[in-house]
PDB file of N, CA and C in Angstrom:
ATOM      1  N   MET A   1     -16.018  -7.740  -9.871  1.00  0.00           N
ATOM      2  CA  MET A   1     -15.873  -6.451  -9.235  1.00  0.00           C
ATOM      3  C   MET A   1     -16.174  -6.529  -7.740  1.00  0.00           C
ATOM      4  N   ALA A   2     -16.982  -7.508  -7.347  1.00  0.00           N
ATOM      5  CA  ALA A   2     -17.311  -7.632  -5.928  1.00  0.00           C
ATOM      6  C   ALA A   2     -16.074  -7.930  -5.098  1.00  0.00           C
ATOM      7  N   GLY A   3     -15.125  -8.672  -5.661  1.00  0.00           N
ATOM      8  CA  GLY A   3     -13.900  -8.988  -4.936  1.00  0.00           C
ATOM      9  C   GLY A   3     -13.139  -7.748  -4.539  1.00  0.00           C
ATOM     10  N   ILE A   4     -13.047  -6.778  -5.452  1.00  0.00           N
ATOM     11  CA  ILE A   4     -12.339  -5.532  -5.157  1.00  0.00           C
ATOM     12  C   ILE A   4     -13.085  -4.750  -4.083  1.00  0.00           C
ATOM     13  N   ALA A   5     -14.407  -4.662  -4.214  1.00  0.00           N
ATOM     14  CA  ALA A   5     -15.193  -3.938  -3.217  1.00  0.00           C
ATOM     15  C   ALA A   5     -15.054  -4.595  -1.849  1.00  0.00           C
ATOM     16  N   GLU A   6     -15.051  -5.931  -1.816  1.00  0.00           N
ATOM     17  CA  GLU A   6     -14.884  -6.628  -0.551  1.00  0.00           C
ATOM     18  C   GLU A   6     -13.522  -6.327   0.060  1.00  0.00           C
ATOM     19  N   ALA A   7     -12.474  -6.313  -0.767  1.00  0.00           N
ATOM     20  CA  ALA A   7     -11.131  -6.014  -0.263  1.00  0.00           C
ATOM     21  C   ALA A   7     -11.089  -4.601   0.300  1.00  0.00           C
ATOM     22  N   GLU A   8     -11.730  -3.666  -0.398  1.00  0.00           N
ATOM     23  CA  GLU A   8     -11.754  -2.290   0.089  1.00  0.00           C
ATOM     24  C   GLU A   8     -12.507  -2.216   1.411  1.00  0.00           C
ATOM     25  N   ASP A   9     -13.613  -2.930   1.499  1.00  0.00           N
ATOM     26  CA  ASP A   9     -14.362  -2.946   2.744  1.00  0.00           C
ATOM     27  C   ASP A   9     -13.524  -3.552   3.866  1.00  0.00           C
ATOM     28  N   GLU A  10     -12.756  -4.584   3.561  1.00  0.00           N
ATOM     29  CA  GLU A  10     -11.899  -5.199   4.571  1.00  0.00           C
ATOM     30  C   GLU A  10     -10.844  -4.213   5.066  1.00  0.00           C
ATOM     31  N   PHE A  11     -10.290  -3.406   4.168  1.00  0.00           N
ATOM     32  CA  PHE A  11      -9.299  -2.408   4.563  1.00  0.00           C
ATOM     33  C   PHE A  11      -9.924  -1.402   5.522  1.00  0.00           C
ATOM     34  N   GLU A  12     -11.094  -0.905   5.174  1.00  0.00           N
ATOM     35  CA  GLU A  12     -11.768   0.054   6.048  1.00  0.00           C
ATOM     36  C   GLU A  12     -12.122  -0.590   7.388  1.00  0.00           C
ATOM     37  N   GLN A  13     -12.594  -1.827   7.356  1.00  0.00           N
ATOM     38  CA  GLN A  13     -12.916  -2.528   8.600  1.00  0.00           C
ATOM     39  C   GLN A  13     -11.678  -2.691   9.472  1.00  0.00           C
ATOM     40  N   LEU A  14     -10.557  -3.054   8.850  1.00  0.00           N
ATOM     41  CA  LEU A  14      -9.307  -3.203   9.591  1.00  0.00           C
ATOM     42  C   LEU A  14      -8.909  -1.883  10.251  1.00  0.00           C
ATOM     43  N   LEU A  15      -9.038  -0.789   9.503  1.00  0.00           N
ATOM     44  CA  LEU A  15      -8.715   0.520  10.072  1.00  0.00           C
ATOM     45  C   LEU A  15      -9.594   0.826  11.275  1.00  0.00           C
ATOM     46  N   ARG A  16     -10.880   0.546  11.152  1.00  0.00           N
ATOM     47  CA  ARG A  16     -11.806   0.847  12.251  1.00  0.00           C
ATOM     48  C   ARG A  16     -11.523  -0.031  13.471  1.00  0.00           C
ATOM     49  N   ILE A  17     -11.150  -1.281  13.229  1.00  0.00           N
ATOM     50  CA  ILE A  17     -10.820  -2.171  14.345  1.00  0.00           C
ATOM     51  C   ILE A  17      -9.567  -1.676  15.054  1.00  0.00           C
ATOM     52  N   LYS A  18      -8.548  -1.340  14.287  1.00  0.00           N
ATOM     53  CA  LYS A  18      -7.271  -0.938  14.887  1.00  0.00           C
ATOM     54  C   LYS A  18      -7.314   0.470  15.462  1.00  0.00           C
ATOM     55  N   MET A  19      -8.031   1.376  14.802  1.00  0.00           N
ATOM     56  CA  MET A  19      -7.983   2.785  15.185  1.00  0.00           C
ATOM     57  C   MET A  19      -9.207   3.243  15.965  1.00  0.00           C
ATOM     58  N   GLY A  20     -10.319   2.576  15.785  1.00  0.00           N
ATOM     59  CA  GLY A  20     -11.547   2.996  16.441  1.00  0.00           C
ATOM     60  C   GLY A  20     -12.245   4.096  15.657  1.00  0.00           C
ATOM     61  N   ASP A  21     -13.538   4.197  15.852  1.00  0.00           N
ATOM     62  CA  ASP A  21     -14.338   5.181  15.118  1.00  0.00           C
ATOM     63  C   ASP A  21     -14.020   6.617  15.512  1.00  0.00           C
ATOM     64  N   ALA A  22     -13.337   6.820  16.621  1.00  0.00           N
ATOM     65  CA  ALA A  22     -13.001   8.176  17.061  1.00  0.00           C
ATOM     66  C   ALA A  22     -11.971   8.831  16.140  1.00  0.00           C
ATOM     67  N   ASN A  23     -11.338   8.049  15.304  1.00  0.00           N
ATOM     68  CA  ASN A  23     -10.309   8.564  14.398  1.00  0.00           C
ATOM     69  C   ASN A  23     -10.835   8.694  12.971  1.00  0.00           C
ATOM     70  N   GLU A  24     -12.064   9.126  12.845  1.00  0.00           N
ATOM     71  CA  GLU A  24     -12.735   9.192  11.544  1.00  0.00           C
ATOM     72  C   GLU A  24     -11.964  10.034  10.528  1.00  0.00           C
ATOM     73  N   GLU A  25     -11.395  11.143  10.965  1.00  0.00           N
ATOM     74  CA  GLU A  25     -10.668  12.016  10.033  1.00  0.00           C
ATOM     75  C   GLU A  25      -9.450  11.298   9.446  1.00  0.00           C
ATOM     76  N   GLN A  26      -8.729  10.576  10.283  1.00  0.00           N
ATOM     77  CA  GLN A  26      -7.557   9.845   9.796  1.00  0.00           C
ATOM     78  C   GLN A  26      -7.969   8.678   8.901  1.00  0.00           C
ATOM     79  N   ILE A  27      -9.032   7.979   9.276  1.00  0.00           N
ATOM     80  CA  ILE A  27      -9.528   6.877   8.449  1.00  0.00           C
ATOM     81  C   ILE A  27      -9.945   7.414   7.091  1.00  0.00           C
ATOM     82  N   ALA A  28     -10.678   8.518   7.085  1.00  0.00           N
ATOM     83  CA  ALA A  28     -11.096   9.126   5.819  1.00  0.00           C
ATOM     84  C   ALA A  28      -9.884   9.550   4.997  1.00  0.00           C
ATOM     85  N   GLY A  29      -8.858  10.065   5.660  1.00  0.00           N
ATOM     86  CA  GLY A  29      -7.641  10.463   4.955  1.00  0.00           C
ATOM     87  C   GLY A  29      -6.946   9.286   4.296  1.00  0.00           C
ATOM     88  N   LEU A  30      -6.868   8.151   5.004  1.00  0.00           N
ATOM     89  CA  LEU A  30      -6.248   6.959   4.411  1.00  0.00           C
ATOM     90  C   LEU A  30      -7.084   6.414   3.262  1.00  0.00           C
ATOM     91  N   LEU A  31      -8.399   6.422   3.417  1.00  0.00           N
ATOM     92  CA  LEU A  31      -9.263   5.955   2.331  1.00  0.00           C
ATOM     93  C   LEU A  31      -9.138   6.869   1.115  1.00  0.00           C
ATOM     94  N   ALA A  32      -8.996   8.169   1.349  1.00  0.00           N
ATOM     95  CA  ALA A  32      -8.793   9.110   0.241  1.00  0.00           C
ATOM     96  C   ALA A  32      -7.445   8.861  -0.429  1.00  0.00           C
ATOM     97  N   LEU A  33      -6.422   8.579   0.364  1.00  0.00           N
ATOM     98  CA  LEU A  33      -5.108   8.258  -0.198  1.00  0.00           C
ATOM     99  C   LEU A  33      -5.199   7.009  -1.063  1.00  0.00           C
ATOM    100  N   ARG A  34      -5.867   5.990  -0.559  1.00  0.00           N
ATOM    101  CA  ARG A  34      -6.025   4.755  -1.338  1.00  0.00           C
ATOM    102  C   ARG A  34      -6.765   5.020  -2.646  1.00  0.00           C
ATOM    103  N   ALA A  35      -7.735   5.915  -2.621  1.00  0.00           N
ATOM    104  CA  ALA A  35      -8.506   6.212  -3.829  1.00  0.00           C
ATOM    105  C   ALA A  35      -7.654   6.860  -4.915  1.00  0.00           C
ATOM    106  N   THR A  36      -6.533   7.464  -4.538  1.00  0.00           N
ATOM    107  CA  THR A  36      -5.660   8.091  -5.540  1.00  0.00           C
ATOM    108  C   THR A  36      -4.757   7.077  -6.229  1.00  0.00           C
ATOM    109  N   LEU A  37      -4.679   5.870  -5.683  1.00  0.00           N
ATOM    110  CA  LEU A  37      -3.801   4.848  -6.248  1.00  0.00           C
ATOM    111  C   LEU A  37      -4.513   4.116  -7.378  1.00  0.00           C
ATOM    112  N   PRO A  38      -3.769   3.724  -8.406  1.00  0.00           N
ATOM    113  CA  PRO A  38      -4.405   2.981  -9.499  1.00  0.00           C
ATOM    114  C   PRO A  38      -4.898   1.625  -9.005  1.00  0.00           C
ATOM    115  N   ASP A  39      -5.956   1.112  -9.649  1.00  0.00           N
ATOM    116  CA  ASP A  39      -6.456  -0.201  -9.246  1.00  0.00           C
ATOM    117  C   ASP A  39      -5.480  -1.296  -9.672  1.00  0.00           C
ATOM    118  N   ARG A  40      -5.731  -2.490  -9.221  1.00  0.00           N
ATOM    119  CA  ARG A  40      -4.797  -3.598  -9.469  1.00  0.00           C
ATOM    120  C   ARG A  40      -4.563  -3.848 -10.951  1.00  0.00           C
ATOM    121  N   GLY A  41      -5.611  -3.806 -11.737  1.00  0.00           N
ATOM    122  CA  GLY A  41      -5.461  -4.043 -13.174  1.00  0.00           C
ATOM    123  C   GLY A  41      -4.582  -2.995 -13.829  1.00  0.00           C
ATOM    124  N   ALA A  42      -4.798  -1.739 -13.474  1.00  0.00           N
ATOM    125  CA  ALA A  42      -3.984  -0.657 -14.040  1.00  0.00           C
ATOM    126  C   ALA A  42      -2.538  -0.779 -13.583  1.00  0.00           C
ATOM    127  N   ARG A  43      -2.332  -1.174 -12.330  1.00  0.00           N
ATOM    128  CA  ARG A  43      -0.960  -1.361 -11.834  1.00  0.00           C
ATOM    129  C   ARG A  43      -0.258  -2.470 -12.594  1.00  0.00           C
ATOM    130  N   ALA A  44      -0.958  -3.572 -12.833  1.00  0.00           N
ATOM    131  CA  ALA A  44      -0.344  -4.695 -13.552  1.00  0.00           C
ATOM    132  C   ALA A  44       0.031  -4.287 -14.968  1.00  0.00           C
ATOM    133  N   MET A  45      -0.833  -3.532 -15.629  1.00  0.00           N
ATOM    134  CA  MET A  45      -0.532  -3.073 -16.991  1.00  0.00           C
ATOM    135  C   MET A  45       0.656  -2.120 -16.986  1.00  0.00           C
ATOM    136  N   ALA A  46       0.699  -1.219 -16.023  1.00  0.00           N
ATOM    137  CA  ALA A  46       1.809  -0.267 -15.938  1.00  0.00           C
ATOM    138  C   ALA A  46       3.121  -0.998 -15.691  1.00  0.00           C
ATOM    139  N   LEU A  47       3.085  -2.000 -14.837  1.00  0.00           N
ATOM    140  CA  LEU A  47       4.296  -2.780 -14.567  1.00  0.00           C
ATOM    141  C   LEU A  47       4.810  -3.440 -15.836  1.00  0.00           C
ATOM    142  N   ALA A  48       3.905  -4.005 -16.598  1.00  0.00           N
ATOM    143  CA  ALA A  48       4.304  -4.686 -17.828  1.00  0.00           C
ATOM    144  C   ALA A  48       4.903  -3.699 -18.821  1.00  0.00           C
ATOM    145  N   GLU A  49       4.334  -2.514 -18.899  1.00  0.00           N
ATOM    146  CA  GLU A  49       4.811  -1.513 -19.855  1.00  0.00           C
ATOM    147  C   GLU A  49       6.117  -0.866 -19.405  1.00  0.00           C
ATOM    148  N   GLU A  50       6.237  -0.576 -18.121  1.00  0.00           N
ATOM    149  CA  GLU A  50       7.401   0.156 -17.615  1.00  0.00           C
ATOM    150  C   GLU A  50       8.601  -0.735 -17.336  1.00  0.00           C
ATOM    151  N   ARG A  51       8.371  -2.024 -17.148  1.00  0.00           N
ATOM    152  CA  ARG A  51       9.462  -2.948 -16.794  1.00  0.00           C
ATOM    153  C   ARG A  51      10.234  -2.428 -15.576  1.00  0.00           C
ATOM    154  N   LEU A  52       9.507  -2.109 -14.544  1.00  0.00           N
ATOM    155  CA  LEU A  52      10.104  -1.574 -13.326  1.00  0.00           C
ATOM    156  C   LEU A  52      10.904  -2.642 -12.591  1.00  0.00           C
ATOM    157  N   THR A  53      11.824  -2.199 -11.781  1.00  0.00           N
ATOM    158  CA  THR A  53      12.602  -3.099 -10.937  1.00  0.00           C
ATOM    159  C   THR A  53      11.926  -3.236  -9.577  1.00  0.00           C
ATOM    160  N   ALA A  54      12.305  -4.260  -8.846  1.00  0.00           N
ATOM    161  CA  ALA A  54      11.790  -4.434  -7.485  1.00  0.00           C
ATOM    162  C   ALA A  54      12.171  -3.235  -6.626  1.00  0.00           C
ATOM    163  N   GLU A  55      13.378  -2.735  -6.827  1.00  0.00           N
ATOM    164  CA  GLU A  55      13.839  -1.587  -6.043  1.00  0.00           C
ATOM    165  C   GLU A  55      12.972  -0.354  -6.316  1.00  0.00           C
ATOM    166  N   ALA A  56      12.617  -0.140  -7.579  1.00  0.00           N
ATOM    167  CA  ALA A  56      11.768   1.003  -7.927  1.00  0.00           C
ATOM    168  C   ALA A  56      10.369   0.840  -7.341  1.00  0.00           C
ATOM    169  N   LEU A  57       9.848  -0.374  -7.383  1.00  0.00           N
ATOM    170  CA  LEU A  57       8.524  -0.622  -6.815  1.00  0.00           C
ATOM    171  C   LEU A  57       8.536  -0.449  -5.297  1.00  0.00           C
ATOM    172  N   ASN A  58       9.578  -0.937  -4.645  1.00  0.00           N
ATOM    173  CA  ASN A  58       9.687  -0.752  -3.197  1.00  0.00           C
ATOM    174  C   ASN A  58       9.799   0.727  -2.845  1.00  0.00           C
ATOM    175  N   ALA A  59      10.525   1.494  -3.646  1.00  0.00           N
ATOM    176  CA  ALA A  59      10.644   2.939  -3.408  1.00  0.00           C
ATOM    177  C   ALA A  59       9.289   3.618  -3.569  1.00  0.00           C
ATOM    178  N   ARG A  60       8.535   3.203  -4.581  1.00  0.00           N
ATOM    179  CA  ARG A  60       7.194   3.759  -4.807  1.00  0.00           C
ATOM    180  C   ARG A  60       6.284   3.417  -3.625  1.00  0.00           C
ATOM    181  N   ASN A  61       6.338   2.169  -3.171  1.00  0.00           N
ATOM    182  CA  ASN A  61       5.531   1.767  -2.015  1.00  0.00           C
ATOM    183  C   ASN A  61       5.922   2.553  -0.771  1.00  0.00           C
ATOM    184  N   GLN A  62       7.216   2.796  -0.598  1.00  0.00           N
ATOM    185  CA  GLN A  62       7.692   3.552   0.562  1.00  0.00           C
ATOM    186  C   GLN A  62       7.139   4.979   0.538  1.00  0.00           C
ATOM    187  N   GLN A  63       7.064   5.575  -0.642  1.00  0.00           N
ATOM    188  CA  GLN A  63       6.493   6.921  -0.763  1.00  0.00           C
ATOM    189  C   GLN A  63       5.032   6.925  -0.326  1.00  0.00           C
ATOM    190  N   ILE A  64       4.299   5.892  -0.714  1.00  0.00           N
ATOM    191  CA  ILE A  64       2.890   5.793  -0.326  1.00  0.00           C
ATOM    192  C   ILE A  64       2.780   5.638   1.190  1.00  0.00           C
ATOM    193  N   LEU A  65       3.642   4.812   1.764  1.00  0.00           N
ATOM    194  CA  LEU A  65       3.625   4.640   3.218  1.00  0.00           C
ATOM    195  C   LEU A  65       3.971   5.941   3.934  1.00  0.00           C
ATOM    196  N   GLU A  66       4.880   6.716   3.385  1.00  0.00           N
ATOM    197  CA  GLU A  66       5.223   8.009   3.994  1.00  0.00           C
ATOM    198  C   GLU A  66       4.037   8.966   3.921  1.00  0.00           C
ATOM    199  N   ARG A  67       3.278   8.903   2.829  1.00  0.00           N
ATOM    200  CA  ARG A  67       2.067   9.726   2.742  1.00  0.00           C
ATOM    201  C   ARG A  67       1.059   9.279   3.796  1.00  0.00           C
ATOM    202  N   ALA A  68       0.948   7.967   3.992  1.00  0.00           N
ATOM    203  CA  ALA A  68       0.047   7.445   5.025  1.00  0.00           C
ATOM    204  C   ALA A  68       0.501   7.900   6.409  1.00  0.00           C
ATOM    205  N   ARG A  69       1.799   7.925   6.626  1.00  0.00           N
ATOM    206  CA  ARG A  69       2.348   8.387   7.908  1.00  0.00           C
ATOM    207  C   ARG A  69       1.970   9.845   8.162  1.00  0.00           C
ATOM    208  N   THR A  70       1.985  10.651   7.120  1.00  0.00           N
ATOM    209  CA  THR A  70       1.590  12.054   7.245  1.00  0.00           C
ATOM    210  C   THR A  70       0.132  12.164   7.671  1.00  0.00           C
ATOM    211  N   VAL A  71      -0.713  11.306   7.111  1.00  0.00           N
ATOM    212  CA  VAL A  71      -2.138  11.311   7.452  1.00  0.00           C
ATOM    213  C   VAL A  71      -2.352  10.837   8.891  1.00  0.00           C
ATOM    214  N   LEU A  72      -1.629   9.796   9.280  1.00  0.00           N
ATOM    215  CA  LEU A  72      -1.891   9.131  10.557  1.00  0.00           C
ATOM    216  C   LEU A  72      -1.153   9.708  11.751  1.00  0.00           C
ATOM    217  N   GLY A  73       0.053  10.176  11.533  1.00  0.00           N
ATOM    218  CA  GLY A  73       0.931  10.479  12.660  1.00  0.00           C
ATOM    219  C   GLY A  73       1.648   9.202  13.069  1.00  0.00           C
ATOM    220  N   ASP A  74       2.720   9.354  13.827  1.00  0.00           N
ATOM    221  CA  ASP A  74       3.585   8.213  14.138  1.00  0.00           C
ATOM    222  C   ASP A  74       2.892   7.108  14.938  1.00  0.00           C
ATOM    223  N   ASP A  75       2.133   7.472  15.963  1.00  0.00           N
ATOM    224  CA  ASP A  75       1.513   6.448  16.816  1.00  0.00           C
ATOM    225  C   ASP A  75       0.497   5.603  16.052  1.00  0.00           C
ATOM    226  N   GLN A  76      -0.385   6.257  15.307  1.00  0.00           N
ATOM    227  CA  GLN A  76      -1.393   5.516  14.544  1.00  0.00           C
ATOM    228  C   GLN A  76      -0.745   4.730  13.404  1.00  0.00           C
ATOM    229  N   TYR A  77       0.323   5.256  12.825  1.00  0.00           N
ATOM    230  CA  TYR A  77       1.051   4.547  11.768  1.00  0.00           C
ATOM    231  C   TYR A  77       1.579   3.215  12.311  1.00  0.00           C
ATOM    232  N   ARG A  78       2.204   3.262  13.499  1.00  0.00           N
ATOM    233  CA  ARG A  78       2.699   2.032  14.136  1.00  0.00           C
ATOM    234  C   ARG A  78       1.564   1.042  14.347  1.00  0.00           C
ATOM    235  N   LEU A  79       0.441   1.551  14.822  1.00  0.00           N
ATOM    236  CA  LEU A  79      -0.707   0.709  15.124  1.00  0.00           C
ATOM    237  C   LEU A  79      -1.255   0.043  13.862  1.00  0.00           C
ATOM    238  N   VAL A  80      -1.412   0.804  12.804  1.00  0.00           N
ATOM    239  CA  VAL A  80      -2.018   0.284  11.573  1.00  0.00           C
ATOM    240  C   VAL A  80      -1.071  -0.627  10.808  1.00  0.00           C
ATOM    241  N   PHE A  81       0.181  -0.202  10.653  1.00  0.00           N
ATOM    242  CA  PHE A  81       1.101  -0.938   9.783  1.00  0.00           C
ATOM    243  C   PHE A  81       2.052  -1.863  10.537  1.00  0.00           C
ATOM    244  N   GLY A  82       2.159  -1.710  11.843  1.00  0.00           N
ATOM    245  CA  GLY A  82       2.984  -2.612  12.630  1.00  0.00           C
ATOM    246  C   GLY A  82       4.476  -2.452  12.438  1.00  0.00           C
ATOM    247  N   VAL A  83       4.899  -1.306  11.944  1.00  0.00           N
ATOM    248  CA  VAL A  83       6.326  -1.010  11.772  1.00  0.00           C
ATOM    249  C   VAL A  83       6.600   0.390  12.299  1.00  0.00           C
ATOM    250  N   GLU A  84       7.861   0.644  12.574  1.00  0.00           N
ATOM    251  CA  GLU A  84       8.253   1.962  13.054  1.00  0.00           C
ATOM    252  C   GLU A  84       8.220   2.974  11.908  1.00  0.00           C
ATOM    253  N   PRO A  85       7.727   4.174  12.167  1.00  0.00           N
ATOM    254  CA  PRO A  85       7.762   5.219  11.148  1.00  0.00           C
ATOM    255  C   PRO A  85       9.189   5.432  10.654  1.00  0.00           C
ATOM    256  N   GLY A  86       9.338   5.536   9.362  1.00  0.00           N
ATOM    257  CA  GLY A  86      10.650   5.761   8.771  1.00  0.00           C
ATOM    258  C   GLY A  86      11.405   4.492   8.428  1.00  0.00           C
ATOM    259  N   ASP A  87      10.992   3.341   9.000  1.00  0.00           N
ATOM    260  CA  ASP A  87      11.646   2.080   8.642  1.00  0.00           C
ATOM    261  C   ASP A  87      11.331   1.730   7.192  1.00  0.00           C
ATOM    262  N   ALA A  88      12.318   1.196   6.505  1.00  0.00           N
ATOM    263  CA  ALA A  88      12.103   0.751   5.127  1.00  0.00           C
ATOM    264  C   ALA A  88      11.211  -0.485   5.137  1.00  0.00           C
ATOM    265  N   VAL A  89      10.201  -0.468   4.297  1.00  0.00           N
ATOM    266  CA  VAL A  89       9.295  -1.601   4.138  1.00  0.00           C
ATOM    267  C   VAL A  89       9.441  -2.075   2.698  1.00  0.00           C
ATOM    268  N   ASN A  90      10.143  -3.168   2.530  1.00  0.00           N
ATOM    269  CA  ASN A  90      10.359  -3.725   1.195  1.00  0.00           C
ATOM    270  C   ASN A  90       9.411  -4.893   0.998  1.00  0.00           C
ATOM    271  N   LEU A  91       8.331  -4.628   0.283  1.00  0.00           N
ATOM    272  CA  LEU A  91       7.312  -5.639   0.061  1.00  0.00           C
ATOM    273  C   LEU A  91       7.700  -6.622  -1.032  1.00  0.00           C
ATOM    274  N   ILE A  92       8.605  -6.221  -1.892  1.00  0.00           N
ATOM    275  CA  ILE A  92       8.954  -7.033  -3.055  1.00  0.00           C
ATOM    276  C   ILE A  92      10.396  -7.491  -2.937  1.00  0.00           C
ATOM    277  N   ASP A  93      10.587  -8.792  -2.939  1.00  0.00           N
ATOM    278  CA  ASP A  93      11.928  -9.368  -2.881  1.00  0.00           C
ATOM    279  C   ASP A  93      12.561  -9.256  -4.270  1.00  0.00           C
ATOM    280  N   PRO A  94      13.672  -8.531  -4.402  1.00  0.00           N
ATOM    281  CA  PRO A  94      14.298  -8.339  -5.719  1.00  0.00           C
ATOM    282  C   PRO A  94      14.661  -9.648  -6.420  1.00  0.00           C
ATOM    283  N   ASN A  95      15.118 -10.645  -5.675  1.00  0.00           N
ATOM    284  CA  ASN A  95      15.497 -11.917  -6.296  1.00  0.00           C
ATOM    285  C   ASN A  95      14.291 -12.648  -6.874  1.00  0.00           C
ATOM    286  N   VAL A  96      13.218 -12.700  -6.120  1.00  0.00           N
ATOM    287  CA  VAL A  96      11.997 -13.348  -6.599  1.00  0.00           C
ATOM    288  C   VAL A  96      11.444 -12.585  -7.795  1.00  0.00           C
ATOM    289  N   PHE A  97      11.453 -11.261  -7.709  1.00  0.00           N
ATOM    290  CA  PHE A  97      10.933 -10.430  -8.795  1.00  0.00           C
ATOM    291  C   PHE A  97      11.710 -10.672 -10.090  1.00  0.00           C
ATOM    292  N   ARG A  98      13.030 -10.713 -10.003  1.00  0.00           N
ATOM    293  CA  ARG A  98      13.856 -10.958 -11.199  1.00  0.00           C
ATOM    294  C   ARG A  98      13.575 -12.334 -11.793  1.00  0.00           C
ATOM    295  N   ARG A  99      13.435 -13.335 -10.917  1.00  0.00           N
ATOM    296  CA  ARG A  99      13.130 -14.686 -11.417  1.00  0.00           C
ATOM    297  C   ARG A  99      11.793 -14.701 -12.145  1.00  0.00           C
ATOM    298  N   MET A 100      10.815 -13.997 -11.596  1.00  0.00           N
ATOM    299  CA  MET A 100       9.498 -13.940 -12.242  1.00  0.00           C
ATOM    300  C   MET A 100       9.591 -13.245 -13.593  1.00  0.00           C
ATOM    301  N   GLN A 101      10.336 -12.149 -13.660  1.00  0.00           N
ATOM    302  CA  GLN A 101      10.490 -11.440 -14.929  1.00  0.00           C
ATOM    303  C   GLN A 101      11.202 -12.308 -15.957  1.00  0.00           C
ATOM    304  N   ASN A 102      12.230 -13.016 -15.540  1.00  0.00           N
ATOM    305  CA  ASN A 102      12.964 -13.886 -16.458  1.00  0.00           C
ATOM    306  C   ASN A 102      12.094 -15.031 -16.956  1.00  0.00           C
ATOM    307  N   ALA A 103      11.225 -15.544 -16.098  1.00  0.00           N
ATOM    308  CA  ALA A 103      10.338 -16.640 -16.478  1.00  0.00           C
ATOM    309  C   ALA A 103       9.291 -16.184 -17.486  1.00  0.00           C
ATOM    310  N   GLU A 104       8.888 -14.905 -17.395  1.00  0.00           N
ATOM    311  CA  GLU A 104       7.878 -14.370 -18.307  1.00  0.00           C
ATOM    312  C   GLU A 104       8.455 -14.052 -19.669  1.00  0.00           C
ATOM    313  N   GLY A 105       9.760 -13.954 -19.750  1.00  0.00           N
ATOM    314  CA  GLY A 105      10.370 -13.768 -21.058  1.00  0.00           C
ATOM    315  C   GLY A 105      10.886 -12.434 -21.289  1.00  0.00           C
TER     316      GLY A 105
END
């Protein structure tokens, strides 16, 4: 469990480094958004049960990023995520994802 707590602490530290402590409300908003997301174990179980596609997962991730954009505003969003607001961010390569699913059976 310490690994998860450390990762969460790293996320908050990264936000504070990039945004500064003067943006406490936005940092708190992003941390609250993250708290609404299922943990890694629950996500892995849901993926196995739902048999989602890479495209569906990328769409879900994009929705989360859009929620983060609402919390941050465009300038802070660029600063934190390093991409332009509204740009598609595809974290999952569909070809790699399909190969992994096929390998698992």
